[in-house]
Amino acid sequence: MSLATRAVYPSQPTPLRSHLDALLAEAELPADLDADALIGIVVPDSNRASGGATAATAYQLLRGASLDTAIVISPSHNGEFGRLSICQTDTYHTPLGGVPVNDHLRNELCDEDDDIFLDDTGHYHTEGADVQLPFLQAALAGDFDAVPIVMGEESPAFCRELGGAVGEVMYGKRAVVVGSCDLLGGDDDAIARFREAIESFDESELMHLLGSETVRVEGMGALITTLIASKARGATHARVLALTPPDGDVPGSLAVAFWKG
């Protein structure tokens, strides 16, 4: 299966690698954040120019790390399809090479939750895993596999179900969960409450802000699920690493880290 990131990133491996390496090199690593204890990150879903720099602030935390698996959770860009889909292909191809899909973990997730299906619906677009996997390939040391998940339903119940299931299958594994979303709107007060809800693991307040569209996020399910999964896996700290407000029709961007401390 070919990768659609070529529409937003260089399609050839050498320019793409150089582009991502430059973004990672320019990102600053917070001195007081233990990258070795990282469990989850949230990054921009789309790949506009500003989104790449924001994403690099989170992916920099993984630079040089050795992991077995990345669970990548993204919103659907095919509309709602009432369930959660994990791609059926054995390998997810990017310009930087193929990333094996972890068959054992995706089957385990399907067994954990009746709402998770093996289905290619929602996969292979210009956002989500198509953007995140090249970043992971550039940042991580050595090979890794992935479990790309698309959320065709973002209700609180689905977020809790998927978050709990992801946290459970991550147990005992060298794994990271990556959620992707884009910030679409919210006034200054609402954005401040949004930041506080993330950093205090207040999923109820986060669901209220997003469900009422006080803060508008494309991919709110991926954001909430990543928070829940990280907390279930033992995360005790959360930090908004970067937050760029929307500018007219251009979405804002968000980067978050969840880690044990």
C-alpha atoms as a PDB file:
ATOM      1  CA  MET A   1       0.000   0.000   0.000  1.00  0.00           C
ATOM      2  CA  SER A   2       1.548   3.307  -1.032  1.00  0.00           C
ATOM      3  CA  LEU A   3       1.825   6.307   1.211  1.00  0.00           C
ATOM      4  CA  ALA A   4      -0.014   9.556   0.617  1.00  0.00           C
ATOM      5  CA  THR A   5       2.492  11.654   2.566  1.00  0.00           C
ATOM      6  CA  ARG A   6       4.163  12.369  -0.758  1.00  0.00           C
ATOM      7  CA  ALA A   7       1.512  15.078  -1.172  1.00  0.00           C
ATOM      8  CA  VAL A   8       2.782  16.931   1.880  1.00  0.00           C
ATOM      9  CA  TYR A   9       6.335  15.655   2.421  1.00  0.00           C
ATOM     10  CA  PRO A  10       9.138  15.038  -0.074  1.00  0.00           C
ATOM     11  CA  SER A  11       8.360  11.730  -1.802  1.00  0.00           C
ATOM     12  CA  GLN A  12      11.962  10.590  -2.206  1.00  0.00           C
ATOM     13  CA  PRO A  13      13.723   8.995   0.777  1.00  0.00           C
ATOM     14  CA  THR A  14      16.830  11.203   0.891  1.00  0.00           C
ATOM     15  CA  PRO A  15      15.029  14.607   0.829  1.00  0.00           C
ATOM     16  CA  LEU A  16      12.400  13.288   3.235  1.00  0.00           C
ATOM     17  CA  ARG A  17      14.991  11.996   5.687  1.00  0.00           C
ATOM     18  CA  SER A  18      16.905  15.291   5.481  1.00  0.00           C
ATOM     19  CA  HIS A  19      13.706  17.263   6.044  1.00  0.00           C
ATOM     20  CA  LEU A  20      12.693  15.257   9.114  1.00  0.00           C
ATOM     21  CA  ASP A  21      16.225  15.171  10.541  1.00  0.00           C
ATOM     22  CA  ALA A  22      16.369  18.973  10.265  1.00  0.00           C
ATOM     23  CA  LEU A  23      13.046  19.366  12.087  1.00  0.00           C
ATOM     24  CA  LEU A  24      14.177  17.020  14.866  1.00  0.00           C
ATOM     25  CA  ALA A  25      17.542  18.776  15.199  1.00  0.00           C
ATOM     26  CA  GLU A  26      15.865  22.160  15.617  1.00  0.00           C
ATOM     27  CA  ALA A  27      13.454  20.941  18.314  1.00  0.00           C
ATOM     28  CA  GLU A  28      14.490  21.553  21.915  1.00  0.00           C
ATOM     29  CA  LEU A  29      14.416  18.753  24.472  1.00  0.00           C
ATOM     30  CA  PRO A  30      12.885  19.885  27.804  1.00  0.00           C
ATOM     31  CA  ALA A  31      15.578  19.490  30.446  1.00  0.00           C
ATOM     32  CA  ASP A  32      13.231  18.252  33.169  1.00  0.00           C
ATOM     33  CA  LEU A  33      11.340  15.665  31.115  1.00  0.00           C
ATOM     34  CA  ASP A  34      12.510  12.048  31.363  1.00  0.00           C
ATOM     35  CA  ALA A  35      12.389  10.870  27.752  1.00  0.00           C
ATOM     36  CA  ASP A  36      13.195   7.307  28.823  1.00  0.00           C
ATOM     37  CA  ALA A  37       9.891   7.200  30.729  1.00  0.00           C
ATOM     38  CA  LEU A  38       7.800   8.414  27.782  1.00  0.00           C
ATOM     39  CA  ILE A  39       4.547   6.504  27.244  1.00  0.00           C
ATOM     40  CA  GLY A  40       2.515   8.600  24.821  1.00  0.00           C
ATOM     41  CA  ILE A  41       2.581  11.686  22.639  1.00  0.00           C
ATOM     42  CA  VAL A  42       0.019  13.797  20.805  1.00  0.00           C
ATOM     43  CA  VAL A  43       1.083  15.450  17.554  1.00  0.00           C
ATOM     44  CA  PRO A  44      -0.552  17.327  14.657  1.00  0.00           C
ATOM     45  CA  ASP A  45      -2.641  15.129  12.373  1.00  0.00           C
ATOM     46  CA  SER A  46      -2.113  17.066   9.174  1.00  0.00           C
ATOM     47  CA  ASN A  47       1.224  18.112   7.792  1.00  0.00           C
ATOM     48  CA  ARG A  48       1.255  21.788   7.161  1.00  0.00           C
ATOM     49  CA  ALA A  49       4.520  23.657   7.556  1.00  0.00           C
ATOM     50  CA  SER A  50       3.807  24.678  11.147  1.00  0.00           C
ATOM     51  CA  GLY A  51       2.590  21.210  12.041  1.00  0.00           C
ATOM     52  CA  GLY A  52       5.931  19.599  11.215  1.00  0.00           C
ATOM     53  CA  ALA A  53       7.847  21.829  13.626  1.00  0.00           C
ATOM     54  CA  THR A  54       5.259  21.236  16.358  1.00  0.00           C
ATOM     55  CA  ALA A  55       5.373  17.466  15.836  1.00  0.00           C
ATOM     56  CA  ALA A  56       9.163  17.514  16.085  1.00  0.00           C
ATOM     57  CA  THR A  57       8.962  18.873  19.647  1.00  0.00           C
ATOM     58  CA  ALA A  58       7.315  15.573  20.635  1.00  0.00           C
ATOM     59  CA  TYR A  59       9.242  13.229  18.332  1.00  0.00           C
ATOM     60  CA  GLN A  60      12.523  14.684  19.577  1.00  0.00           C
ATOM     61  CA  LEU A  61      11.772  12.896  22.864  1.00  0.00           C
ATOM     62  CA  LEU A  62      11.982   9.581  20.981  1.00  0.00           C
ATOM     63  CA  ARG A  63      15.155  10.373  19.070  1.00  0.00           C
ATOM     64  CA  GLY A  64      17.580   7.480  19.363  1.00  0.00           C
ATOM     65  CA  ALA A  65      15.172   5.366  21.423  1.00  0.00           C
ATOM     66  CA  SER A  66      14.724   1.650  20.771  1.00  0.00           C
ATOM     67  CA  LEU A  67      11.080   0.593  20.792  1.00  0.00           C
ATOM     68  CA  ASP A  68       9.247  -2.502  19.665  1.00  0.00           C
ATOM     69  CA  THR A  69       5.902  -0.988  18.746  1.00  0.00           C
ATOM     70  CA  ALA A  70       4.150   2.299  18.019  1.00  0.00           C
ATOM     71  CA  ILE A  71       0.366   2.361  18.327  1.00  0.00           C
ATOM     72  CA  VAL A  72      -0.790   5.236  16.102  1.00  0.00           C
ATOM     73  CA  ILE A  73      -4.329   6.556  16.656  1.00  0.00           C
ATOM     74  CA  SER A  74      -5.835   8.968  14.129  1.00  0.00           C
ATOM     75  CA  PRO A  75      -9.226  10.433  13.228  1.00  0.00           C
ATOM     76  CA  SER A  76     -11.146   9.298  10.171  1.00  0.00           C
ATOM     77  CA  HIS A  77     -11.081  11.540   7.117  1.00  0.00           C
ATOM     78  CA  ASN A  78     -13.722   9.410   5.395  1.00  0.00           C
ATOM     79  CA  GLY A  79     -16.495  10.515   7.724  1.00  0.00           C
ATOM     80  CA  GLU A  80     -17.856   8.525  10.651  1.00  0.00           C
ATOM     81  CA  PHE A  81     -18.123   4.787  10.078  1.00  0.00           C
ATOM     82  CA  GLY A  82     -19.276   3.772  13.547  1.00  0.00           C
ATOM     83  CA  ARG A  83     -16.291   1.767  14.707  1.00  0.00           C
ATOM     84  CA  LEU A  84     -12.522   1.653  15.151  1.00  0.00           C
ATOM     85  CA  SER A  85     -10.465   0.188  12.335  1.00  0.00           C
ATOM     86  CA  ILE A  86      -6.978  -1.335  12.289  1.00  0.00           C
ATOM     87  CA  CYS A  87      -5.459  -1.692   8.837  1.00  0.00           C
ATOM     88  CA  GLN A  88      -5.348  -5.220   7.469  1.00  0.00           C
ATOM     89  CA  THR A  89      -2.118  -4.957   5.507  1.00  0.00           C
ATOM     90  CA  ASP A  90       1.018  -6.682   6.813  1.00  0.00           C
ATOM     91  CA  THR A  91       3.304  -3.748   5.989  1.00  0.00           C
ATOM     92  CA  TYR A  92       2.654  -0.001   5.954  1.00  0.00           C
ATOM     93  CA  HIS A  93       4.916   1.483   3.270  1.00  0.00           C
ATOM     94  CA  THR A  94       6.460   4.950   3.454  1.00  0.00           C
ATOM     95  CA  PRO A  95       9.171   6.591   1.345  1.00  0.00           C
ATOM     96  CA  LEU A  96      11.601   5.606   4.125  1.00  0.00           C
ATOM     97  CA  GLY A  97      10.697   1.917   3.839  1.00  0.00           C
ATOM     98  CA  GLY A  98       8.101  -0.516   5.082  1.00  0.00           C
ATOM     99  CA  VAL A  99       6.901  -0.658   8.685  1.00  0.00           C
ATOM    100  CA  PRO A 100       5.564  -4.096   9.696  1.00  0.00           C
ATOM    101  CA  VAL A 101       2.094  -4.092  11.240  1.00  0.00           C
ATOM    102  CA  ASN A 102       2.060  -6.058  14.501  1.00  0.00           C
ATOM    103  CA  ASP A 103      -0.409  -8.839  13.757  1.00  0.00           C
ATOM    104  CA  HIS A 104      -0.409 -10.200  17.321  1.00  0.00           C
ATOM    105  CA  LEU A 105      -1.247  -6.845  18.921  1.00  0.00           C
ATOM    106  CA  ARG A 106      -3.927  -5.901  16.408  1.00  0.00           C
ATOM    107  CA  ASN A 107      -5.639  -9.253  16.942  1.00  0.00           C
ATOM    108  CA  GLU A 108      -5.289  -8.797  20.711  1.00  0.00           C
ATOM    109  CA  LEU A 109      -6.947  -5.377  20.456  1.00  0.00           C
ATOM    110  CA  CYS A 110      -9.793  -6.842  18.407  1.00  0.00           C
ATOM    111  CA  ASP A 111     -10.252  -9.535  21.046  1.00  0.00           C
ATOM    112  CA  GLU A 112     -10.247  -6.884  23.813  1.00  0.00           C
ATOM    113  CA  ASP A 113     -12.985  -4.769  22.249  1.00  0.00           C
ATOM    114  CA  ASP A 114     -15.890  -5.805  19.992  1.00  0.00           C
ATOM    115  CA  ASP A 115     -15.910  -2.324  18.414  1.00  0.00           C
ATOM    116  CA  ILE A 116     -12.403  -2.707  16.947  1.00  0.00           C
ATOM    117  CA  PHE A 117     -12.248  -4.316  13.504  1.00  0.00           C
ATOM    118  CA  LEU A 118      -9.590  -5.278  10.992  1.00  0.00           C
ATOM    119  CA  ASP A 119     -10.622  -2.968   8.176  1.00  0.00           C
ATOM    120  CA  ASP A 120      -8.815  -0.609   5.818  1.00  0.00           C
ATOM    121  CA  THR A 121     -11.578   2.011   6.071  1.00  0.00           C
ATOM    122  CA  GLY A 122     -10.054   5.394   6.834  1.00  0.00           C
ATOM    123  CA  HIS A 123      -6.440   4.366   6.255  1.00  0.00           C
ATOM    124  CA  TYR A 124      -3.942   5.548   3.626  1.00  0.00           C
ATOM    125  CA  HIS A 125      -4.636   9.260   3.379  1.00  0.00           C
ATOM    126  CA  THR A 126      -2.473  12.357   3.770  1.00  0.00           C
ATOM    127  CA  GLU A 127      -2.871  12.508   7.519  1.00  0.00           C
ATOM    128  CA  GLY A 128      -2.649  10.180  10.499  1.00  0.00           C
ATOM    129  CA  ALA A 129      -0.255   7.255  10.193  1.00  0.00           C
ATOM    130  CA  ASP A 130       0.838   8.462   6.762  1.00  0.00           C
ATOM    131  CA  VAL A 131       2.401  11.478   8.473  1.00  0.00           C
ATOM    132  CA  GLN A 132       3.432   9.887  11.778  1.00  0.00           C
ATOM    133  CA  LEU A 133       5.259   6.766  10.592  1.00  0.00           C
ATOM    134  CA  PRO A 134       7.989   8.655   8.674  1.00  0.00           C
ATOM    135  CA  PHE A 135       8.605  10.782  11.773  1.00  0.00           C
ATOM    136  CA  LEU A 136       8.933   7.614  13.856  1.00  0.00           C
ATOM    137  CA  GLN A 137      11.283   6.086  11.285  1.00  0.00           C
ATOM    138  CA  ALA A 138      13.486   9.176  11.437  1.00  0.00           C
ATOM    139  CA  ALA A 139      13.463   9.435  15.224  1.00  0.00           C
ATOM    140  CA  LEU A 140      13.749   5.854  16.464  1.00  0.00           C
ATOM    141  CA  ALA A 141      16.897   3.765  16.501  1.00  0.00           C
ATOM    142  CA  GLY A 142      16.458   0.464  14.704  1.00  0.00           C
ATOM    143  CA  ASP A 143      13.384  -1.306  13.423  1.00  0.00           C
ATOM    144  CA  PHE A 144       9.935  -1.201  14.987  1.00  0.00           C
ATOM    145  CA  ASP A 145       6.428  -2.335  14.122  1.00  0.00           C
ATOM    146  CA  ALA A 146       3.167  -0.422  14.272  1.00  0.00           C
ATOM    147  CA  VAL A 147      -0.541  -0.742  14.914  1.00  0.00           C
ATOM    148  CA  PRO A 148      -2.323   2.021  12.933  1.00  0.00           C
ATOM    149  CA  ILE A 149      -5.840   2.685  14.258  1.00  0.00           C
ATOM    150  CA  VAL A 150      -8.439   5.008  12.724  1.00  0.00           C
ATOM    151  CA  MET A 151     -11.333   6.197  14.876  1.00  0.00           C
ATOM    152  CA  GLY A 152     -14.564   6.273  12.885  1.00  0.00           C
ATOM    153  CA  GLU A 153     -16.409   6.971  16.144  1.00  0.00           C
ATOM    154  CA  GLU A 154     -15.195   9.417  18.831  1.00  0.00           C
ATOM    155  CA  SER A 155     -17.801   9.141  21.577  1.00  0.00           C
ATOM    156  CA  PRO A 156     -16.592   9.158  25.207  1.00  0.00           C
ATOM    157  CA  ALA A 157     -17.509   5.462  25.507  1.00  0.00           C
ATOM    158  CA  PHE A 158     -15.390   4.544  22.479  1.00  0.00           C
ATOM    159  CA  CYS A 159     -12.473   6.632  23.767  1.00  0.00           C
ATOM    160  CA  ARG A 160     -12.587   4.891  27.144  1.00  0.00           C
ATOM    161  CA  GLU A 161     -12.900   1.442  25.559  1.00  0.00           C
ATOM    162  CA  LEU A 162     -10.017   1.960  23.151  1.00  0.00           C
ATOM    163  CA  GLY A 163      -7.844   3.785  25.704  1.00  0.00           C
ATOM    164  CA  GLY A 164      -8.230   0.971  28.209  1.00  0.00           C
ATOM    165  CA  ALA A 165      -7.543  -1.702  25.585  1.00  0.00           C
ATOM    166  CA  VAL A 166      -4.429   0.071  24.273  1.00  0.00           C
ATOM    167  CA  GLY A 167      -3.095   0.599  27.786  1.00  0.00           C
ATOM    168  CA  GLU A 168      -3.592  -3.103  28.506  1.00  0.00           C
ATOM    169  CA  VAL A 169      -1.845  -4.435  25.387  1.00  0.00           C
ATOM    170  CA  MET A 170       1.095  -2.058  25.974  1.00  0.00           C
ATOM    171  CA  TYR A 171       1.808  -3.633  29.356  1.00  0.00           C
ATOM    172  CA  GLY A 172       5.296  -5.107  29.542  1.00  0.00           C
ATOM    173  CA  LYS A 173       6.244  -3.921  26.050  1.00  0.00           C
ATOM    174  CA  ARG A 174       8.624  -1.256  24.799  1.00  0.00           C
ATOM    175  CA  ALA A 175       5.851   0.711  23.156  1.00  0.00           C
ATOM    176  CA  VAL A 176       4.586   4.241  22.639  1.00  0.00           C
ATOM    177  CA  VAL A 177       1.090   5.438  21.783  1.00  0.00           C
ATOM    178  CA  VAL A 178       0.851   8.309  19.285  1.00  0.00           C
ATOM    179  CA  GLY A 179      -2.382  10.267  18.898  1.00  0.00           C
ATOM    180  CA  SER A 180      -2.860  12.828  16.129  1.00  0.00           C
ATOM    181  CA  CYS A 181      -5.223  15.789  16.062  1.00  0.00           C
ATOM    182  CA  ASP A 182      -5.524  19.382  14.832  1.00  0.00           C
ATOM    183  CA  LEU A 183      -6.690  22.398  16.839  1.00  0.00           C
ATOM    184  CA  LEU A 184      -9.507  24.210  15.029  1.00  0.00           C
ATOM    185  CA  GLY A 185     -10.722  26.862  17.463  1.00  0.00           C
ATOM    186  CA  GLY A 186     -11.366  28.186  20.955  1.00  0.00           C
ATOM    187  CA  ASP A 187     -10.959  31.505  22.751  1.00  0.00           C
ATOM    188  CA  ASP A 188      -8.020  32.220  25.073  1.00  0.00           C
ATOM    189  CA  ASP A 189      -9.875  31.190  28.227  1.00  0.00           C
ATOM    190  CA  ALA A 190     -11.086  27.949  26.670  1.00  0.00           C
ATOM    191  CA  ILE A 191      -7.599  27.093  25.401  1.00  0.00           C
ATOM    192  CA  ALA A 192      -6.176  27.699  28.885  1.00  0.00           C
ATOM    193  CA  ARG A 193      -8.785  25.326  30.366  1.00  0.00           C
ATOM    194  CA  PHE A 194      -8.000  22.828  27.604  1.00  0.00           C
ATOM    195  CA  ARG A 195      -4.291  22.906  28.442  1.00  0.00           C
ATOM    196  CA  GLU A 196      -5.010  22.501  32.160  1.00  0.00           C
ATOM    197  CA  ALA A 197      -7.347  19.554  31.528  1.00  0.00           C
ATOM    198  CA  ILE A 198      -4.651  17.750  29.535  1.00  0.00           C
ATOM    199  CA  GLU A 199      -1.881  18.397  32.040  1.00  0.00           C
ATOM    200  CA  SER A 200      -4.030  17.309  34.998  1.00  0.00           C
ATOM    201  CA  PHE A 201      -5.341  14.168  33.227  1.00  0.00           C
ATOM    202  CA  ASP A 202      -8.874  15.530  33.649  1.00  0.00           C
ATOM    203  CA  GLU A 203     -10.569  13.493  30.939  1.00  0.00           C
ATOM    204  CA  SER A 204     -14.069  14.565  32.045  1.00  0.00           C
ATOM    205  CA  GLU A 205     -13.261  18.267  31.621  1.00  0.00           C
ATOM    206  CA  LEU A 206     -11.492  17.518  28.354  1.00  0.00           C
ATOM    207  CA  MET A 207     -14.519  15.638  27.055  1.00  0.00           C
ATOM    208  CA  HIS A 208     -16.781  18.506  28.144  1.00  0.00           C
ATOM    209  CA  LEU A 209     -14.681  21.157  26.409  1.00  0.00           C
ATOM    210  CA  LEU A 210     -14.433  19.147  23.202  1.00  0.00           C
ATOM    211  CA  GLY A 211     -17.934  17.683  23.209  1.00  0.00           C
ATOM    212  CA  SER A 212     -19.496  21.124  23.666  1.00  0.00           C
ATOM    213  CA  GLU A 213     -17.117  22.542  21.019  1.00  0.00           C
ATOM    214  CA  THR A 214     -15.890  25.156  23.487  1.00  0.00           C
ATOM    215  CA  VAL A 215     -12.574  24.030  22.054  1.00  0.00           C
ATOM    216  CA  ARG A 216     -12.779  22.531  18.578  1.00  0.00           C
ATOM    217  CA  VAL A 217     -10.349  19.762  17.687  1.00  0.00           C
ATOM    218  CA  GLU A 218     -10.299  17.493  14.664  1.00  0.00           C
ATOM    219  CA  GLY A 219      -9.237  14.186  16.127  1.00  0.00           C
ATOM    220  CA  MET A 220     -10.552  14.756  19.642  1.00  0.00           C
ATOM    221  CA  GLY A 221     -11.004  11.000  20.015  1.00  0.00           C
ATOM    222  CA  ALA A 222      -7.333  10.336  19.308  1.00  0.00           C
ATOM    223  CA  LEU A 223      -6.326  12.989  21.846  1.00  0.00           C
ATOM    224  CA  ILE A 224      -8.607  11.684  24.612  1.00  0.00           C
ATOM    225  CA  THR A 225      -7.765   8.045  23.888  1.00  0.00           C
ATOM    226  CA  THR A 226      -4.026   8.714  24.020  1.00  0.00           C
ATOM    227  CA  LEU A 227      -4.442  10.431  27.393  1.00  0.00           C
ATOM    228  CA  ILE A 228      -6.516   7.515  28.743  1.00  0.00           C
ATOM    229  CA  ALA A 229      -4.136   4.865  27.367  1.00  0.00           C
ATOM    230  CA  SER A 230      -1.075   6.674  28.738  1.00  0.00           C
ATOM    231  CA  LYS A 231      -2.672   7.002  32.158  1.00  0.00           C
ATOM    232  CA  ALA A 232      -3.689   3.331  32.120  1.00  0.00           C
ATOM    233  CA  ARG A 233      -0.111   2.422  31.265  1.00  0.00           C
ATOM    234  CA  GLY A 234       1.163   4.334  34.293  1.00  0.00           C
ATOM    235  CA  ALA A 235       1.770   7.890  33.103  1.00  0.00           C
ATOM    236  CA  THR A 236       1.855  10.355  35.990  1.00  0.00           C
ATOM    237  CA  HIS A 237       2.891  13.521  34.145  1.00  0.00           C
ATOM    238  CA  ALA A 238       1.533  15.340  31.104  1.00  0.00           C
ATOM    239  CA  ARG A 239       2.851  18.448  29.433  1.00  0.00           C
ATOM    240  CA  VAL A 240       1.716  20.540  26.493  1.00  0.00           C
ATOM    241  CA  LEU A 241       5.026  20.978  24.674  1.00  0.00           C
ATOM    242  CA  ALA A 242       3.706  23.303  21.982  1.00  0.00           C
ATOM    243  CA  LEU A 243       0.375  24.875  21.127  1.00  0.00           C
ATOM    244  CA  THR A 244      -0.177  27.103  18.121  1.00  0.00           C
ATOM    245  CA  PRO A 245      -3.659  28.689  17.868  1.00  0.00           C
ATOM    246  CA  PRO A 246      -5.574  28.518  14.578  1.00  0.00           C
ATOM    247  CA  ASP A 247      -4.987  31.373  12.146  1.00  0.00           C
ATOM    248  CA  GLY A 248      -8.003  31.954   9.966  1.00  0.00           C
ATOM    249  CA  ASP A 249      -8.552  28.835   7.883  1.00  0.00           C
ATOM    250  CA  VAL A 250      -5.228  27.339   8.939  1.00  0.00           C
ATOM    251  CA  PRO A 251      -5.649  24.915  11.870  1.00  0.00           C
ATOM    252  CA  GLY A 252      -3.531  25.284  14.967  1.00  0.00           C
ATOM    253  CA  SER A 253      -1.163  22.570  16.122  1.00  0.00           C
ATOM    254  CA  LEU A 254      -0.617  20.751  19.403  1.00  0.00           C
ATOM    255  CA  ALA A 255       2.148  18.577  20.876  1.00  0.00           C
ATOM    256  CA  VAL A 256       1.796  16.761  24.206  1.00  0.00           C
ATOM    257  CA  ALA A 257       3.967  14.294  26.118  1.00  0.00           C
ATOM    258  CA  PHE A 258       2.818  11.747  28.722  1.00  0.00           C
ATOM    259  CA  TRP A 259       5.400  10.023  30.898  1.00  0.00           C
ATOM    260  CA  LYS A 260       6.068   8.233  34.167  1.00  0.00           C
ATOM    261  CA  GLY A 261       7.837  10.182  36.852  1.00  0.00           C
END
